[in-house]
Amino acid sequence: MVFHDPKVVIQTLAKLNTGLTLVNAESYLAQANEIIGADSDATSRTTHPESYILSIVLQLRHEEEPEYLTKLKAMISGELDLNKLDIFE
């Protein structure tokens, strides 16, 4: 791992995505977990869920969660329904 504390990376990521100068990484991570963990459609309802997903995966990887790749796949994979493609909206 390049970093010893994922909170520094999460804080920087949140600052870049929000434009804020002060960010609490723990609060941002809690918010990310709440939004992404709410239900299976959470990533399709947020404008840019990538930073939330990246924050969660960084924390899981830091904690050496053995299933972090499986959890990542679950967060970024949706159901396969051609009628729900963005091009039809």
Protein backbone atom coordinates (compact mmCIF):
# COMPACT_ATOMS: atom_id res chain seq x y z
CA MET A 1 0.00 0.00 0.00
CA VAL A 2 1.26 3.42 -0.89
CA PHE A 3 -0.56 5.06 1.99
CA HIS A 4 -0.77 4.15 5.65
CA ASP A 5 -3.97 5.99 6.40
CA PRO A 6 -6.79 5.88 3.84
CA LYS A 7 -8.46 8.82 5.56
CA VAL A 8 -5.88 11.17 4.03
CA VAL A 9 -6.73 9.90 0.54
CA ILE A 10 -10.48 9.98 1.26
CA GLN A 11 -10.22 13.51 2.60
CA THR A 12 -8.32 14.66 -0.51
CA LEU A 13 -10.79 12.90 -2.80
CA ALA A 14 -13.72 14.56 -1.02
CA LYS A 15 -12.07 17.98 -1.23
CA LEU A 16 -11.50 17.58 -4.95
CA ASN A 17 -15.07 16.44 -5.59
CA THR A 18 -16.84 18.95 -3.36
CA GLY A 19 -14.63 22.03 -3.57
CA LEU A 20 -14.65 22.29 0.22
CA THR A 21 -11.47 23.22 2.06
CA LEU A 22 -12.27 21.33 5.26
CA VAL A 23 -13.52 17.75 5.06
CA ASN A 24 -13.87 15.17 7.78
CA ALA A 25 -12.88 11.85 6.20
CA GLU A 26 -14.76 9.77 8.78
CA SER A 27 -17.98 11.70 8.19
CA TYR A 28 -17.56 11.47 4.42
CA LEU A 29 -16.97 7.72 4.67
CA ALA A 30 -20.03 7.33 6.90
CA GLN A 31 -22.09 9.28 4.37
CA ALA A 32 -20.71 7.16 1.52
CA ASN A 33 -21.61 3.95 3.35
CA GLU A 34 -25.09 5.27 4.06
CA ILE A 35 -25.73 6.28 0.46
CA ILE A 36 -24.23 3.22 -1.21
CA GLY A 37 -25.59 0.82 1.39
CA ALA A 38 -29.12 2.22 1.27
CA ASP A 39 -30.30 -0.09 -1.49
CA SER A 40 -29.26 -1.64 -4.77
CA ASP A 41 -30.23 1.43 -6.83
CA ALA A 42 -28.18 3.90 -4.77
CA THR A 43 -25.42 4.28 -7.34
CA SER A 44 -27.91 5.11 -10.08
CA ARG A 45 -29.54 7.88 -8.03
CA THR A 46 -26.44 9.86 -7.14
CA THR A 47 -24.85 12.12 -9.69
CA HIS A 48 -21.30 10.93 -9.17
CA PRO A 49 -21.17 7.81 -7.00
CA GLU A 50 -17.58 7.07 -8.00
CA SER A 51 -16.02 9.00 -5.12
CA TYR A 52 -18.28 7.26 -2.63
CA ILE A 53 -17.42 3.85 -4.06
CA LEU A 54 -13.72 4.63 -4.17
CA SER A 55 -13.76 5.84 -0.57
CA ILE A 56 -15.47 2.68 0.64
CA VAL A 57 -13.13 0.41 -1.31
CA LEU A 58 -10.05 2.27 -0.07
CA GLN A 59 -11.21 1.72 3.51
CA LEU A 60 -12.02 -1.97 2.88
CA ARG A 61 -8.62 -2.52 1.27
CA HIS A 62 -6.88 -0.79 4.17
CA GLU A 63 -8.74 -3.01 6.63
CA GLU A 64 -7.56 -6.00 4.55
CA GLU A 65 -11.13 -7.09 3.95
CA PRO A 66 -10.76 -10.39 2.06
CA GLU A 67 -13.99 -9.81 0.11
CA TYR A 68 -13.29 -6.22 -0.96
CA LEU A 69 -13.23 -7.11 -4.67
CA THR A 70 -16.53 -8.94 -4.40
CA LYS A 71 -18.02 -5.97 -2.56
CA LEU A 72 -16.66 -3.59 -5.20
CA LYS A 73 -18.18 -5.68 -7.97
CA ALA A 74 -21.54 -5.61 -6.19
CA MET A 75 -21.38 -1.80 -5.91
CA ILE A 76 -20.59 -1.18 -9.57
CA SER A 77 -22.62 -3.93 -11.21
CA GLY A 78 -26.27 -3.39 -11.74
CA GLU A 79 -29.01 -5.51 -13.08
CA LEU A 80 -28.97 -6.19 -16.79
CA ASP A 81 -32.11 -4.54 -18.13
CA LEU A 82 -31.97 -2.96 -21.59
CA ASN A 83 -35.03 -0.82 -20.80
CA LYS A 84 -33.10 0.94 -18.02
CA LEU A 85 -30.20 2.19 -20.15
CA ASP A 86 -29.45 5.90 -19.89
CA ILE A 87 -30.00 6.36 -23.62
CA PHE A 88 -33.73 5.74 -23.12
CA GLU A 89 -34.14 8.49 -20.52
